[in-house]
Amino acid sequence: MIKASLLNKLLPTQAIAAVQPSKHWKRITSLATSLTSENTNTSEGFIYDKEGDYYTCPQNKKVEFKKIKSNNGHLAKEYRTSRTDCGPCPFRTSCIGKSPEKRIVDTLDKPYYDKMHERLKGSYARKMKKLRQSTVEPVLGTLINFLAMKRVNTRGIKLANKCMLMAAIATT
């Protein structure tokens, strides 16, 4: 039987996303892949400088911060090169194709993603992942795949947590 305190710790932030894997699965897996990559401070070979808030391309040209824009309702920082830097570059076609300049868009929460990436490398994170895989995820998999619990019909994390907890207790 699963302890309620363990579910309380692990489920609140995952309850909504975990019960709708088919709709958002590509987005979740791409985020997980980007968080587990070796160096989160690079974007396709471009190295990020925190002090200057710019990227440096492999040809030592700056990709400078230009503006903060709304990207599907989420704020993002946009970095762009100048057209004169990319024009004579020998790697132009492989880097930017037919576009006149290189553009990199980062979320405003990138420092938090970097911090999480560092935390995921630790031994405590590996231990908690094994614990979650052996206790919580099998129950969620059973609820989603075999009992057809595709969505939580409540609003808010607290009520979704309560619904998932009751369903998990009922199945064990």
N, C-alpha and C. Protein backbone atom coordinates (compact mmCIF):
# COMPACT_ATOMS: atom_id res chain seq x y z
N MET A 1 0.84 -1.19 0.00
CA MET A 1 0.00 0.00 0.00
C MET A 1 0.88 1.25 0.00
N ILE A 2 0.48 2.27 -0.70
CA ILE A 2 1.24 3.50 -0.82
C ILE A 2 0.89 4.43 0.32
N LYS A 3 1.90 5.01 0.91
CA LYS A 3 1.67 5.96 2.00
C LYS A 3 1.12 7.26 1.45
N ALA A 4 0.14 7.81 2.13
CA ALA A 4 -0.49 9.06 1.69
C ALA A 4 0.50 10.22 1.73
N SER A 5 1.40 10.21 2.72
CA SER A 5 2.35 11.32 2.81
C SER A 5 3.29 11.34 1.60
N LEU A 6 3.65 10.16 1.08
CA LEU A 6 4.50 10.09 -0.10
C LEU A 6 3.77 10.63 -1.32
N LEU A 7 2.51 10.25 -1.47
CA LEU A 7 1.74 10.79 -2.59
C LEU A 7 1.55 12.29 -2.47
N ASN A 8 1.36 12.78 -1.24
CA ASN A 8 1.21 14.22 -1.04
C ASN A 8 2.45 14.97 -1.49
N LYS A 9 3.63 14.39 -1.26
CA LYS A 9 4.87 15.06 -1.64
C LYS A 9 5.11 15.00 -3.13
N LEU A 10 4.77 13.90 -3.77
CA LEU A 10 5.15 13.70 -5.15
C LEU A 10 4.08 14.07 -6.17
N LEU A 11 2.82 14.06 -5.78
CA LEU A 11 1.77 14.28 -6.76
C LEU A 11 1.35 15.72 -7.04
N PRO A 12 1.35 16.65 -6.11
CA PRO A 12 0.70 17.93 -6.38
C PRO A 12 1.13 18.60 -7.66
N THR A 13 2.40 18.60 -7.98
CA THR A 13 2.83 19.31 -9.18
C THR A 13 2.71 18.47 -10.42
N GLN A 14 2.49 17.15 -10.27
CA GLN A 14 2.46 16.27 -11.43
C GLN A 14 1.05 15.76 -11.74
N ALA A 15 0.09 16.01 -10.88
CA ALA A 15 -1.22 15.38 -11.02
C ALA A 15 -1.88 15.70 -12.35
N ILE A 16 -1.94 16.96 -12.72
CA ILE A 16 -2.65 17.35 -13.94
C ILE A 16 -1.91 16.85 -15.17
N ALA A 17 -0.60 17.04 -15.23
CA ALA A 17 0.16 16.65 -16.40
C ALA A 17 0.23 15.13 -16.53
N ALA A 18 0.24 14.42 -15.42
CA ALA A 18 0.40 12.98 -15.47
C ALA A 18 -0.84 12.27 -15.98
N VAL A 19 -1.99 12.84 -15.80
CA VAL A 19 -3.21 12.15 -16.21
C VAL A 19 -3.61 12.44 -17.64
N GLN A 20 -2.89 13.31 -18.35
CA GLN A 20 -3.19 13.58 -19.75
C GLN A 20 -1.94 13.40 -20.61
N PRO A 21 -1.38 12.18 -20.66
CA PRO A 21 -0.12 12.01 -21.38
C PRO A 21 -0.24 12.13 -22.88
N SER A 22 -1.36 11.77 -23.47
CA SER A 22 -1.44 11.74 -24.92
C SER A 22 -1.39 13.14 -25.53
N LYS A 23 -2.03 14.11 -24.90
CA LYS A 23 -2.11 15.45 -25.46
C LYS A 23 -0.79 16.21 -25.35
N HIS A 24 -0.10 16.08 -24.24
CA HIS A 24 1.08 16.90 -23.97
C HIS A 24 2.37 16.07 -23.93
N TRP A 25 2.32 14.81 -24.32
CA TRP A 25 3.47 13.94 -24.11
C TRP A 25 4.71 14.42 -24.86
N LYS A 26 4.57 14.91 -26.09
CA LYS A 26 5.74 15.37 -26.85
C LYS A 26 6.40 16.55 -26.16
N ARG A 27 5.59 17.47 -25.64
CA ARG A 27 6.13 18.64 -24.97
C ARG A 27 6.87 18.24 -23.69
N ILE A 28 6.29 17.30 -22.92
CA ILE A 28 6.90 16.88 -21.66
C ILE A 28 8.20 16.14 -21.93
N THR A 29 8.21 15.22 -22.92
CA THR A 29 9.43 14.48 -23.19
C THR A 29 10.51 15.37 -23.77
N SER A 30 10.15 16.37 -24.59
CA SER A 30 11.18 17.26 -25.11
C SER A 30 11.78 18.12 -24.00
N LEU A 31 10.94 18.52 -23.03
CA LEU A 31 11.46 19.27 -21.89
C LEU A 31 12.39 18.40 -21.07
N ALA A 32 12.00 17.14 -20.83
CA ALA A 32 12.85 16.24 -20.06
C ALA A 32 14.15 15.98 -20.79
N THR A 33 14.11 15.84 -22.11
CA THR A 33 15.33 15.63 -22.88
C THR A 33 16.24 16.84 -22.79
N SER A 34 15.66 18.05 -22.88
CA SER A 34 16.50 19.24 -22.81
C SER A 34 17.09 19.42 -21.42
N LEU A 35 16.37 18.97 -20.38
CA LEU A 35 16.90 19.11 -19.03
C LEU A 35 17.98 18.09 -18.73
N THR A 36 17.99 16.97 -19.43
CA THR A 36 18.99 15.96 -19.16
C THR A 36 20.17 16.03 -20.11
N SER A 37 20.20 17.01 -21.00
CA SER A 37 21.34 17.14 -21.90
C SER A 37 22.58 17.56 -21.09
N GLU A 38 23.73 17.38 -21.67
CA GLU A 38 24.98 17.62 -20.94
C GLU A 38 25.17 19.08 -20.53
N ASN A 39 24.92 20.01 -21.43
CA ASN A 39 25.20 21.41 -21.12
C ASN A 39 23.99 22.26 -21.49
N THR A 40 23.28 22.76 -20.49
CA THR A 40 22.09 23.55 -20.77
C THR A 40 22.42 24.99 -21.10
N ASN A 41 23.68 25.40 -21.01
CA ASN A 41 24.07 26.76 -21.34
C ASN A 41 24.48 26.90 -22.80
N THR A 42 24.23 25.90 -23.62
CA THR A 42 24.53 26.00 -25.04
C THR A 42 23.26 25.78 -25.82
N SER A 43 23.18 26.37 -26.96
CA SER A 43 22.06 26.17 -27.87
C SER A 43 22.66 25.92 -29.24
N GLU A 44 22.70 24.66 -29.67
CA GLU A 44 23.24 24.26 -30.97
C GLU A 44 24.68 24.74 -31.16
N GLY A 45 25.49 24.62 -30.14
CA GLY A 45 26.88 25.04 -30.24
C GLY A 45 27.13 26.48 -29.85
N PHE A 46 26.09 27.22 -29.51
CA PHE A 46 26.21 28.60 -29.08
C PHE A 46 26.39 28.62 -27.57
N ILE A 47 27.38 29.33 -27.08
CA ILE A 47 27.70 29.34 -25.65
C ILE A 47 27.14 30.61 -25.02
N TYR A 48 26.46 30.45 -23.88
CA TYR A 48 25.81 31.57 -23.21
C TYR A 48 26.74 32.21 -22.19
N ASP A 49 26.82 33.54 -22.18
CA ASP A 49 27.59 34.31 -21.21
C ASP A 49 26.60 35.01 -20.28
N LYS A 50 26.61 34.62 -18.99
CA LYS A 50 25.64 35.17 -18.03
C LYS A 50 25.87 36.65 -17.75
N GLU A 51 27.12 37.06 -17.60
CA GLU A 51 27.40 38.46 -17.26
C GLU A 51 26.95 39.42 -18.36
N GLY A 52 27.24 39.07 -19.61
CA GLY A 52 26.90 39.95 -20.71
C GLY A 52 25.51 39.70 -21.28
N ASP A 53 24.87 38.61 -20.88
CA ASP A 53 23.55 38.22 -21.37
C ASP A 53 23.54 38.13 -22.89
N TYR A 54 24.43 37.31 -23.43
CA TYR A 54 24.48 37.08 -24.86
C TYR A 54 25.03 35.68 -25.12
N TYR A 55 24.80 35.18 -26.33
CA TYR A 55 25.37 33.92 -26.79
C TYR A 55 26.53 34.22 -27.71
N THR A 56 27.47 33.29 -27.80
CA THR A 56 28.58 33.41 -28.73
C THR A 56 28.50 32.23 -29.69
N CYS A 57 28.53 32.51 -30.99
CA CYS A 57 28.43 31.44 -31.98
C CYS A 57 29.81 30.78 -32.16
N PRO A 58 29.87 29.65 -32.85
CA PRO A 58 31.17 28.98 -33.07
C PRO A 58 32.18 29.84 -33.84
N GLN A 59 31.72 30.88 -34.54
CA GLN A 59 32.61 31.78 -35.27
C GLN A 59 32.96 33.02 -34.46
N ASN A 60 32.72 32.98 -33.14
CA ASN A 60 33.00 34.07 -32.19
C ASN A 60 32.24 35.36 -32.48
N LYS A 61 31.03 35.24 -32.98
CA LYS A 61 30.15 36.40 -33.17
C LYS A 61 29.11 36.39 -32.07
N LYS A 62 28.71 37.58 -31.63
CA LYS A 62 27.73 37.69 -30.55
C LYS A 62 26.30 37.57 -31.07
N VAL A 63 25.49 36.81 -30.32
CA VAL A 63 24.05 36.75 -30.55
C VAL A 63 23.46 37.50 -29.36
N GLU A 64 23.14 38.77 -29.57
CA GLU A 64 22.80 39.67 -28.47
C GLU A 64 21.31 39.66 -28.16
N PHE A 65 21.02 39.97 -26.88
CA PHE A 65 19.64 40.09 -26.42
C PHE A 65 18.99 41.28 -27.10
N LYS A 66 17.78 41.06 -27.65
CA LYS A 66 17.07 42.15 -28.35
C LYS A 66 15.81 42.58 -27.62
N LYS A 67 14.97 41.61 -27.20
CA LYS A 67 13.71 42.00 -26.57
C LYS A 67 13.09 40.83 -25.82
N ILE A 68 12.12 41.16 -24.98
CA ILE A 68 11.29 40.16 -24.33
C ILE A 68 9.97 40.14 -25.06
N LYS A 69 9.55 38.95 -25.50
CA LYS A 69 8.32 38.86 -26.26
C LYS A 69 7.44 37.76 -25.70
N SER A 70 6.19 37.77 -26.09
CA SER A 70 5.24 36.75 -25.67
C SER A 70 5.30 35.59 -26.66
N ASN A 71 5.59 34.41 -26.15
CA ASN A 71 5.69 33.22 -26.97
C ASN A 71 4.57 32.27 -26.56
N ASN A 72 3.44 32.32 -27.25
CA ASN A 72 2.26 31.52 -26.92
C ASN A 72 1.79 31.78 -25.49
N GLY A 73 1.79 33.02 -25.08
CA GLY A 73 1.32 33.37 -23.75
C GLY A 73 2.40 33.32 -22.68
N HIS A 74 3.59 32.86 -23.02
CA HIS A 74 4.70 32.79 -22.07
C HIS A 74 5.77 33.79 -22.48
N LEU A 75 6.32 34.49 -21.52
CA LEU A 75 7.35 35.48 -21.84
C LEU A 75 8.67 34.79 -22.15
N ALA A 76 9.34 35.28 -23.18
CA ALA A 76 10.60 34.69 -23.61
C ALA A 76 11.56 35.79 -24.03
N LYS A 77 12.86 35.51 -23.85
CA LYS A 77 13.90 36.44 -24.28
C LYS A 77 14.35 36.05 -25.68
N GLU A 78 14.47 37.04 -26.55
CA GLU A 78 14.90 36.78 -27.92
C GLU A 78 16.29 37.35 -28.13
N TYR A 79 17.17 36.50 -28.66
CA TYR A 79 18.54 36.89 -28.99
C TYR A 79 18.68 36.78 -30.50
N ARG A 80 19.37 37.77 -31.11
CA ARG A 80 19.58 37.76 -32.56
C ARG A 80 20.98 38.25 -32.90
N THR A 81 21.49 37.74 -34.02
CA THR A 81 22.76 38.24 -34.54
C THR A 81 22.47 39.43 -35.45
N SER A 82 23.51 40.12 -35.85
CA SER A 82 23.31 41.17 -36.85
C SER A 82 23.45 40.52 -38.23
N ARG A 83 22.81 41.11 -39.20
CA ARG A 83 22.83 40.54 -40.56
C ARG A 83 24.24 40.59 -41.15
N THR A 84 25.02 41.58 -40.75
CA THR A 84 26.37 41.70 -41.30
C THR A 84 27.28 40.60 -40.78
N ASP A 85 27.01 40.09 -39.57
CA ASP A 85 27.82 38.99 -39.03
C ASP A 85 27.54 37.68 -39.74
N CYS A 86 26.26 37.43 -40.05
CA CYS A 86 25.88 36.15 -40.65
C CYS A 86 26.05 36.11 -42.16
N GLY A 87 26.09 37.27 -42.80
CA GLY A 87 26.19 37.31 -44.27
C GLY A 87 27.39 36.57 -44.83
N PRO A 88 28.62 36.91 -44.43
CA PRO A 88 29.79 36.26 -45.02
C PRO A 88 30.21 34.95 -44.32
N CYS A 89 29.45 34.48 -43.35
CA CYS A 89 29.84 33.29 -42.57
C CYS A 89 29.83 32.04 -43.45
N PRO A 90 30.87 31.20 -43.36
CA PRO A 90 30.92 29.98 -44.18
C PRO A 90 29.91 28.91 -43.74
N PHE A 91 29.41 29.00 -42.50
CA PHE A 91 28.44 28.02 -41.99
C PHE A 91 27.01 28.54 -42.05
N ARG A 92 26.79 29.57 -42.81
CA ARG A 92 25.50 30.25 -42.86
C ARG A 92 24.34 29.30 -43.21
N THR A 93 24.50 28.50 -44.25
CA THR A 93 23.40 27.64 -44.69
C THR A 93 23.08 26.56 -43.67
N SER A 94 24.08 26.00 -43.01
CA SER A 94 23.81 24.96 -42.02
C SER A 94 23.30 25.55 -40.70
N CYS A 95 23.62 26.79 -40.43
CA CYS A 95 23.23 27.43 -39.16
C CYS A 95 21.85 28.07 -39.25
N ILE A 96 21.63 28.90 -40.24
CA ILE A 96 20.37 29.64 -40.30
C ILE A 96 19.57 29.41 -41.58
N GLY A 97 20.13 28.68 -42.54
CA GLY A 97 19.40 28.42 -43.78
C GLY A 97 19.22 29.69 -44.60
N LYS A 98 17.98 29.99 -44.99
CA LYS A 98 17.71 31.17 -45.81
C LYS A 98 17.35 32.39 -44.97
N SER A 99 17.32 32.23 -43.66
CA SER A 99 16.99 33.35 -42.77
C SER A 99 18.13 34.37 -42.79
N PRO A 100 17.83 35.64 -42.64
CA PRO A 100 18.88 36.65 -42.69
C PRO A 100 19.74 36.72 -41.42
N GLU A 101 19.26 36.17 -40.31
CA GLU A 101 20.00 36.26 -39.05
C GLU A 101 19.66 35.07 -38.15
N LYS A 102 20.55 34.79 -37.20
CA LYS A 102 20.32 33.72 -36.22
C LYS A 102 19.44 34.25 -35.11
N ARG A 103 18.46 33.44 -34.71
CA ARG A 103 17.54 33.84 -33.64
C ARG A 103 17.46 32.71 -32.63
N ILE A 104 17.68 33.04 -31.35
CA ILE A 104 17.56 32.08 -30.25
C ILE A 104 16.52 32.63 -29.28
N VAL A 105 15.55 31.80 -28.93
CA VAL A 105 14.50 32.22 -28.00
C VAL A 105 14.60 31.35 -26.76
N ASP A 106 14.77 31.99 -25.60
CA ASP A 106 14.85 31.31 -24.31
C ASP A 106 13.72 31.78 -23.41
N THR A 107 13.21 30.89 -22.60
CA THR A 107 12.21 31.28 -21.63
C THR A 107 12.85 32.15 -20.55
N LEU A 108 12.04 32.97 -19.91
CA LEU A 108 12.56 33.78 -18.81
C LEU A 108 12.96 32.93 -17.62
N ASP A 109 12.45 31.70 -17.58
CA ASP A 109 12.73 30.80 -16.46
C ASP A 109 13.96 29.93 -16.69
N LYS A 110 14.78 30.25 -17.67
CA LYS A 110 15.95 29.44 -17.98
C LYS A 110 16.88 29.23 -16.79
N PRO A 111 17.12 30.24 -15.93
CA PRO A 111 17.97 29.97 -14.76
C PRO A 111 17.40 28.89 -13.84
N TYR A 112 16.08 28.83 -13.75
CA TYR A 112 15.46 27.80 -12.92
C TYR A 112 15.63 26.42 -13.55
N TYR A 113 15.53 26.33 -14.88
CA TYR A 113 15.76 25.06 -15.56
C TYR A 113 17.21 24.61 -15.36
N ASP A 114 18.15 25.56 -15.45
CA ASP A 114 19.56 25.22 -15.25
C ASP A 114 19.80 24.72 -13.83
N LYS A 115 19.17 25.39 -12.85
CA LYS A 115 19.31 24.98 -11.46
C LYS A 115 18.72 23.59 -11.25
N MET A 116 17.56 23.31 -11.87
CA MET A 116 16.95 22.00 -11.75
C MET A 116 17.83 20.94 -12.39
N HIS A 117 18.44 21.28 -13.52
CA HIS A 117 19.33 20.34 -14.19
C HIS A 117 20.49 19.95 -13.27
N GLU A 118 21.05 20.91 -12.57
CA GLU A 118 22.13 20.63 -11.63
C GLU A 118 21.65 19.75 -10.47
N ARG A 119 20.44 20.03 -9.98
CA ARG A 119 19.88 19.23 -8.89
C ARG A 119 19.63 17.79 -9.31
N LEU A 120 19.25 17.58 -10.57
CA LEU A 120 18.95 16.24 -11.06
C LEU A 120 20.19 15.37 -11.19
N LYS A 121 21.36 15.98 -11.19
CA LYS A 121 22.60 15.23 -11.30
C LYS A 121 23.02 14.59 -9.98
N GLY A 122 22.46 15.03 -8.85
CA GLY A 122 22.90 14.58 -7.54
C GLY A 122 22.41 13.18 -7.18
N SER A 123 23.01 12.61 -6.15
CA SER A 123 22.65 11.27 -5.71
C SER A 123 21.27 11.25 -5.06
N TYR A 124 20.89 12.32 -4.37
CA TYR A 124 19.57 12.38 -3.74
C TYR A 124 18.48 12.36 -4.81
N ALA A 125 18.70 13.06 -5.92
CA ALA A 125 17.71 13.08 -7.01
C ALA A 125 17.56 11.70 -7.63
N ARG A 126 18.67 10.98 -7.81
CA ARG A 126 18.59 9.63 -8.36
C ARG A 126 17.84 8.70 -7.42
N LYS A 127 18.07 8.86 -6.11
CA LYS A 127 17.38 8.03 -5.13
C LYS A 127 15.88 8.31 -5.13
N MET A 128 15.51 9.59 -5.20
CA MET A 128 14.09 9.94 -5.22
C MET A 128 13.42 9.49 -6.52
N LYS A 129 14.16 9.51 -7.63
CA LYS A 129 13.61 9.04 -8.89
C LYS A 129 13.30 7.55 -8.82
N LYS A 130 14.22 6.77 -8.23
CA LYS A 130 13.98 5.33 -8.07
C LYS A 130 12.78 5.08 -7.17
N LEU A 131 12.67 5.85 -6.11
CA LEU A 131 11.53 5.70 -5.20
C LEU A 131 10.22 6.03 -5.91
N ARG A 132 10.21 7.12 -6.68
CA ARG A 132 9.01 7.51 -7.41
C ARG A 132 8.64 6.46 -8.45
N GLN A 133 9.66 5.91 -9.16
CA GLN A 133 9.39 4.91 -10.18
C GLN A 133 8.82 3.62 -9.59
N SER A 134 9.20 3.31 -8.38
CA SER A 134 8.74 2.06 -7.80
C SER A 134 7.44 2.22 -7.01
N THR A 135 7.05 3.42 -6.63
CA THR A 135 5.85 3.58 -5.82
C THR A 135 4.73 4.33 -6.51
N VAL A 136 5.01 5.49 -7.05
CA VAL A 136 3.95 6.35 -7.58
C VAL A 136 3.61 6.05 -9.03
N GLU A 137 4.61 5.92 -9.88
CA GLU A 137 4.35 5.78 -11.31
C GLU A 137 3.58 4.51 -11.68
N PRO A 138 3.81 3.36 -11.04
CA PRO A 138 2.97 2.20 -11.38
C PRO A 138 1.49 2.43 -11.09
N VAL A 139 1.19 3.13 -10.01
CA VAL A 139 -0.20 3.42 -9.68
C VAL A 139 -0.81 4.35 -10.71
N LEU A 140 -0.06 5.39 -11.09
CA LEU A 140 -0.56 6.31 -12.11
C LEU A 140 -0.75 5.59 -13.45
N GLY A 141 0.19 4.71 -13.80
CA GLY A 141 0.06 3.95 -15.03
C GLY A 141 -1.17 3.06 -15.03
N THR A 142 -1.46 2.42 -13.91
CA THR A 142 -2.66 1.59 -13.79
C THR A 142 -3.91 2.45 -13.93
N LEU A 143 -3.94 3.58 -13.25
CA LEU A 143 -5.11 4.45 -13.32
C LEU A 143 -5.36 4.94 -14.74
N ILE A 144 -4.31 5.33 -15.43
CA ILE A 144 -4.44 5.91 -16.76
C ILE A 144 -4.74 4.84 -17.81
N ASN A 145 -3.96 3.76 -17.80
CA ASN A 145 -4.06 2.78 -18.87
C ASN A 145 -5.17 1.76 -18.70
N PHE A 146 -5.40 1.28 -17.49
CA PHE A 146 -6.35 0.20 -17.30
C PHE A 146 -7.70 0.66 -16.75
N LEU A 147 -7.73 1.75 -16.01
CA LEU A 147 -8.98 2.21 -15.43
C LEU A 147 -9.53 3.45 -16.14
N ALA A 148 -8.90 3.84 -17.25
CA ALA A 148 -9.36 4.91 -18.13
C ALA A 148 -9.55 6.25 -17.41
N MET A 149 -8.67 6.56 -16.49
CA MET A 149 -8.73 7.86 -15.83
C MET A 149 -7.92 8.85 -16.66
N LYS A 150 -8.55 9.42 -17.65
CA LYS A 150 -7.85 10.29 -18.59
C LYS A 150 -7.74 11.73 -18.10
N ARG A 151 -8.62 12.14 -17.21
CA ARG A 151 -8.57 13.51 -16.71
C ARG A 151 -9.09 13.58 -15.29
N VAL A 152 -8.71 14.64 -14.60
CA VAL A 152 -9.19 14.91 -13.26
C VAL A 152 -10.25 16.00 -13.40
N ASN A 153 -11.44 15.71 -12.94
CA ASN A 153 -12.55 16.65 -13.12
C ASN A 153 -12.70 17.62 -11.95
N THR A 154 -11.59 18.13 -11.47
CA THR A 154 -11.62 19.13 -10.40
C THR A 154 -10.75 20.30 -10.83
N ARG A 155 -10.87 21.39 -10.10
CA ARG A 155 -10.04 22.55 -10.38
C ARG A 155 -9.05 22.76 -9.26
N GLY A 156 -7.82 23.06 -9.63
CA GLY A 156 -6.78 23.36 -8.65
C GLY A 156 -5.96 22.13 -8.28
N ILE A 157 -4.75 22.40 -7.86
CA ILE A 157 -3.80 21.34 -7.51
C ILE A 157 -4.27 20.57 -6.28
N LYS A 158 -4.79 21.27 -5.27
CA LYS A 158 -5.21 20.60 -4.04
C LYS A 158 -6.34 19.60 -4.30
N LEU A 159 -7.33 20.01 -5.09
CA LEU A 159 -8.44 19.10 -5.38
C LEU A 159 -8.00 17.97 -6.31
N ALA A 160 -7.12 18.26 -7.26
CA ALA A 160 -6.60 17.22 -8.14
C ALA A 160 -5.79 16.22 -7.32
N ASN A 161 -5.02 16.71 -6.37
CA ASN A 161 -4.25 15.84 -5.49
C ASN A 161 -5.18 14.94 -4.69
N LYS A 162 -6.26 15.51 -4.17
CA LYS A 162 -7.22 14.73 -3.39
C LYS A 162 -7.87 13.65 -4.27
N CYS A 163 -8.24 13.99 -5.49
CA CYS A 163 -8.86 13.05 -6.41
C CYS A 163 -7.90 11.90 -6.74
N MET A 164 -6.64 12.24 -7.03
CA MET A 164 -5.64 11.21 -7.35
C MET A 164 -5.36 10.33 -6.13
N LEU A 165 -5.30 10.92 -4.97
CA LEU A 165 -5.05 10.16 -3.75
C LEU A 165 -6.18 9.16 -3.49
N MET A 166 -7.41 9.61 -3.65
CA MET A 166 -8.56 8.72 -3.44
C MET A 166 -8.56 7.58 -4.49
N ALA A 167 -8.25 7.91 -5.72
CA ALA A 167 -8.21 6.87 -6.77
C ALA A 167 -7.09 5.89 -6.50
N ALA A 168 -5.92 6.39 -6.06
CA ALA A 168 -4.79 5.50 -5.77
C ALA A 168 -5.10 4.60 -4.59
N ILE A 169 -5.76 5.12 -3.56
CA ILE A 169 -6.12 4.30 -2.40
C ILE A 169 -7.15 3.24 -2.81
N ALA A 170 -8.07 3.61 -3.69
CA ALA A 170 -9.11 2.68 -4.12
C ALA A 170 -8.55 1.53 -4.94
N THR A 171 -7.46 1.76 -5.67
CA THR A 171 -6.90 0.69 -6.52
C THR A 171 -5.97 -0.23 -5.75
N THR A 172 -5.48 0.19 -4.60
CA THR A 172 -4.53 -0.67 -3.87
C THR A 172 -5.20 -1.48 -2.80
